[in-house]
Amino acid sequence: MIFKMNSITRSIVAVCLIDGVVGLSFGATAGHFGIDLWIPFILAVTVLAGASEFIFISVLATGGNPIMGALAGLLVNIRHLPFGVLVKHEVGSGWKHLLGSHLMNDESVAFALSQSKPERKKYAYWLSGLGILLCWPIGILIGGVFSDLIINPEQLGLDALFPCLIFALVVPTISTKRKAIQSALGATLATVSTPFLAAGLPAVLALSALFLFPLKSKKKTT
């Protein structure tokens, strides 16, 4: 019998494979910087947050302090605080909570929020998270091993895949006028601040749009 995937499963599989390809570029780039392969690979398994990993490796490549690189990565991951609120039911409880929290990333959160039913939200969250946990480290490992064959990974344009991917995932979740205003304000703040802030920080600044233009709270009826 031929296994048929539904639309959400196909989308998740495609995104995980794309993440693997981006990881390949990341692994090759780290190799060109002279970074030992075990460093980006361990980061991929234990951190599982691409933006933070990019920043940490960039700091190492320029001779910076690893502690400062780690702190910069933690700062970028501030966005996971609102993520945790949004997908607290999908993360699970008990022992699952630890693994579920580790699987929290842009893609798994976006896929979960794109679903309407609770069981579908949990399915999308866990399938995406586990898929990226598999594809991202494998991509980095392959890219690092064959870095000598990938002369100029930046010329492949793979760095543009990730932001395009996130954009495609986020757009369907903008279902109301207020969310559209928040998104536009956050994107504007990130774009304007990019020339003046370190890599990753414009995305953190964009979160302020949630406070400048908060969602309306639902009035309780008696």
Protein backbone atom coordinates (compact mmCIF):
# COMPACT_ATOMS: atom_id res chain seq x y z
CA MET A 1 0.00 0.00 0.00
CA ILE A 2 1.34 3.43 -0.94
CA PHE A 3 1.63 5.84 1.98
CA LYS A 4 -0.11 9.13 1.23
CA MET A 5 0.79 12.27 3.14
CA ASN A 6 -1.73 15.00 3.81
CA SER A 7 -0.97 18.62 2.97
CA ILE A 8 0.38 19.64 6.38
CA THR A 9 2.66 16.59 6.52
CA ARG A 10 4.00 17.31 3.03
CA SER A 11 4.66 20.92 3.98
CA ILE A 12 6.49 19.92 7.15
CA VAL A 13 8.62 17.35 5.35
CA ALA A 14 9.53 19.93 2.68
CA VAL A 15 10.47 22.54 5.29
CA CYS A 16 12.60 20.07 7.25
CA LEU A 17 14.48 19.10 4.09
CA ILE A 18 15.04 22.78 3.28
CA ASP A 19 16.40 23.28 6.78
CA GLY A 20 18.77 20.40 6.13
CA VAL A 21 20.03 22.12 2.99
CA VAL A 22 20.56 25.37 4.92
CA GLY A 23 22.41 23.32 7.53
CA LEU A 24 24.65 21.96 4.78
CA SER A 25 25.63 25.52 3.86
CA PHE A 26 26.16 26.38 7.53
CA GLY A 27 28.39 23.35 8.09
CA ALA A 28 30.48 24.15 5.03
CA THR A 29 30.81 27.81 6.04
CA ALA A 30 31.92 26.85 9.55
CA GLY A 31 34.52 24.55 8.01
CA HIS A 32 35.87 27.37 5.84
CA PHE A 33 36.18 29.51 8.96
CA GLY A 34 38.38 26.84 10.48
CA ILE A 35 35.80 25.84 13.10
CA ASP A 36 36.05 22.19 14.18
CA LEU A 37 33.03 20.24 12.89
CA TRP A 38 32.04 18.95 16.32
CA ILE A 39 31.24 22.49 17.49
CA PRO A 40 28.43 23.32 15.00
CA PHE A 41 27.20 19.73 15.19
CA ILE A 42 26.87 19.77 18.99
CA LEU A 43 25.24 23.19 18.76
CA ALA A 44 22.74 21.81 16.24
CA VAL A 45 21.72 18.99 18.58
CA THR A 46 21.72 20.83 21.90
CA VAL A 47 20.73 24.39 20.95
CA LEU A 48 18.59 23.72 17.87
CA ALA A 49 18.16 27.42 17.13
CA GLY A 50 19.71 28.42 13.83
CA ALA A 51 20.01 32.17 14.41
CA SER A 52 21.80 31.72 17.74
CA GLU A 53 24.13 29.13 16.24
CA PHE A 54 25.03 31.43 13.34
CA ILE A 55 25.86 34.23 15.74
CA PHE A 56 27.97 32.00 18.00
CA ILE A 57 29.99 30.60 15.09
CA SER A 58 30.45 34.11 13.67
CA VAL A 59 31.87 35.29 16.99
CA LEU A 60 34.28 32.34 17.10
CA ALA A 61 35.32 32.88 13.47
CA THR A 62 36.29 36.48 14.17
CA GLY A 63 38.31 35.51 17.25
CA GLY A 64 35.70 36.67 19.73
CA ASN A 65 35.04 35.38 23.22
CA PRO A 66 32.87 32.21 23.22
CA ILE A 67 31.03 33.44 26.33
CA MET A 68 30.06 36.66 24.57
CA GLY A 69 28.94 34.60 21.59
CA ALA A 70 26.77 32.46 23.86
CA LEU A 71 25.25 35.53 25.52
CA ALA A 72 24.49 37.06 22.12
CA GLY A 73 22.80 33.81 21.11
CA LEU A 74 20.71 33.81 24.30
CA LEU A 75 19.65 37.38 23.61
CA VAL A 76 18.43 36.47 20.14
CA ASN A 77 16.46 33.58 21.63
CA ILE A 78 14.38 35.95 23.75
CA ARG A 79 11.73 35.44 21.09
CA HIS A 80 11.19 31.96 22.56
CA LEU A 81 9.51 33.54 25.60
CA PRO A 82 6.35 34.53 23.69
CA PHE A 83 6.69 31.30 21.69
CA GLY A 84 6.37 29.33 24.92
CA VAL A 85 3.14 31.11 25.80
CA LEU A 86 1.65 30.48 22.37
CA VAL A 87 2.37 26.74 22.25
CA LYS A 88 2.24 25.80 25.93
CA HIS A 89 -0.44 23.19 25.28
CA GLU A 90 1.44 21.66 22.35
CA VAL A 91 4.70 21.34 24.30
CA GLY A 92 3.10 18.87 26.69
CA SER A 93 3.67 18.08 30.35
CA GLY A 94 5.82 15.76 32.45
CA TRP A 95 8.86 14.29 30.70
CA LYS A 96 7.47 15.40 27.35
CA HIS A 97 7.77 19.01 28.47
CA LEU A 98 11.58 18.87 28.39
CA LEU A 99 11.74 17.45 24.89
CA GLY A 100 8.84 19.57 23.69
CA SER A 101 10.55 22.75 24.90
CA HIS A 102 13.74 21.73 23.11
CA LEU A 103 11.81 21.30 19.86
CA MET A 104 10.48 24.87 20.04
CA ASN A 105 11.70 26.85 17.04
CA ASP A 106 10.33 29.23 14.43
CA GLU A 107 9.11 26.46 12.17
CA SER A 108 7.45 24.22 14.75
CA VAL A 109 5.65 27.20 16.32
CA ALA A 110 4.51 28.55 12.94
CA PHE A 111 3.18 25.17 11.85
CA ALA A 112 1.35 24.67 15.14
CA LEU A 113 -0.29 28.09 14.97
CA SER A 114 -1.39 27.48 11.39
CA GLN A 115 -3.71 24.68 12.54
CA SER A 116 -7.18 25.22 13.99
CA LYS A 117 -7.81 22.01 15.96
CA PRO A 118 -5.84 21.21 19.14
CA GLU A 119 -4.85 17.72 18.02
CA ARG A 120 -3.64 19.05 14.66
CA LYS A 121 -1.65 21.78 16.40
CA LYS A 122 0.15 19.20 18.54
CA TYR A 123 0.76 16.95 15.53
CA ALA A 124 2.25 19.79 13.48
CA TYR A 125 4.39 21.02 16.36
CA TRP A 126 5.95 17.67 17.19
CA LEU A 127 6.40 16.46 13.62
CA SER A 128 8.10 19.71 12.61
CA GLY A 129 10.25 19.84 15.75
CA LEU A 130 11.43 16.24 15.47
CA GLY A 131 12.00 16.58 11.73
CA ILE A 132 14.23 19.60 12.19
CA LEU A 133 16.04 17.91 15.08
CA LEU A 134 16.93 15.19 12.55
CA CYS A 135 17.56 17.18 9.36
CA TRP A 136 19.39 20.21 10.77
CA PRO A 137 22.32 18.34 12.42
CA ILE A 138 22.61 15.90 9.51
CA GLY A 139 22.80 18.80 7.05
CA ILE A 140 25.52 20.48 9.12
CA LEU A 141 27.45 17.22 9.39
CA ILE A 142 27.36 16.62 5.63
CA GLY A 143 28.28 20.23 4.88
CA GLY A 144 31.22 20.09 7.29
CA VAL A 145 32.53 16.78 5.99
CA PHE A 146 32.41 17.94 2.37
CA SER A 147 33.30 21.59 2.99
CA ASP A 148 36.35 21.26 0.73
CA LEU A 149 34.04 20.49 -2.20
CA ILE A 150 31.81 23.50 -1.53
CA ILE A 151 34.19 26.33 -2.36
CA ASN A 152 31.90 29.34 -1.88
CA PRO A 153 28.67 28.27 -0.10
CA GLU A 154 27.51 31.89 0.16
CA GLN A 155 27.30 32.08 -3.65
CA LEU A 156 24.64 29.35 -3.64
CA GLY A 157 22.20 31.76 -2.05
CA LEU A 158 21.22 29.22 0.59
CA ASP A 159 21.28 31.93 3.26
CA ALA A 160 18.17 33.39 1.65
CA LEU A 161 16.24 30.14 2.04
CA PHE A 162 15.70 30.48 5.78
CA PRO A 163 14.14 33.98 5.84
CA CYS A 164 12.02 33.12 2.80
CA LEU A 165 10.91 29.96 4.56
CA ILE A 166 9.91 31.78 7.74
CA PHE A 167 8.10 34.44 5.71
CA ALA A 168 6.08 31.78 3.91
CA LEU A 169 5.15 30.15 7.23
CA VAL A 170 4.19 33.36 8.99
CA VAL A 171 2.00 34.98 6.31
CA PRO A 172 -0.88 32.44 6.56
CA THR A 173 -1.12 33.06 10.34
CA ILE A 174 -1.81 36.80 9.86
CA SER A 175 -5.57 36.36 10.01
CA THR A 176 -6.71 39.68 11.49
CA LYS A 177 -6.12 43.39 10.89
CA ARG A 178 -4.47 43.78 14.30
CA LYS A 179 -2.02 40.94 13.57
CA ALA A 180 -1.24 42.50 10.22
CA ILE A 181 -0.43 45.83 11.90
CA GLN A 182 1.77 44.09 14.47
CA SER A 183 3.60 42.19 11.75
CA ALA A 184 4.13 45.30 9.62
CA LEU A 185 5.36 47.29 12.63
CA GLY A 186 7.73 44.51 13.70
CA ALA A 187 9.10 44.12 10.17
CA THR A 188 9.64 47.89 9.92
CA LEU A 189 11.48 48.05 13.24
CA ALA A 190 13.72 45.13 12.22
CA THR A 191 14.47 46.61 8.79
CA VAL A 192 15.23 50.12 10.03
CA SER A 193 17.46 48.91 12.88
CA THR A 194 19.43 46.35 10.83
CA PRO A 195 22.23 48.78 9.78
CA PHE A 196 22.77 49.86 13.40
CA LEU A 197 22.41 46.68 15.49
CA ALA A 198 24.39 43.45 15.67
CA ALA A 199 23.12 40.43 13.75
CA GLY A 200 20.05 38.92 15.35
CA LEU A 201 19.14 41.93 17.50
CA PRO A 202 16.75 43.54 14.95
CA ALA A 203 14.53 40.45 15.24
CA VAL A 204 14.50 40.88 19.03
CA LEU A 205 13.60 44.56 18.66
CA ALA A 206 10.71 43.56 16.39
CA LEU A 207 9.08 41.85 19.39
CA SER A 208 8.39 45.28 20.85
CA ALA A 209 5.57 45.57 18.32
CA LEU A 210 3.62 43.21 20.57
CA PHE A 211 3.75 45.81 23.36
CA LEU A 212 3.38 48.91 21.20
CA PHE A 213 0.26 47.48 19.59
CA PRO A 214 -1.01 44.70 21.90
CA LEU A 215 -3.81 42.31 21.14
CA LYS A 216 -7.21 43.22 22.55
CA SER A 217 -8.17 41.18 25.55
CA LYS A 218 -11.50 39.39 25.42
CA LYS A 219 -14.16 40.87 27.68
CA LYS A 220 -15.70 38.46 30.15
CA THR A 221 -19.43 38.11 30.03
CA THR A 222 -21.50 37.60 33.15
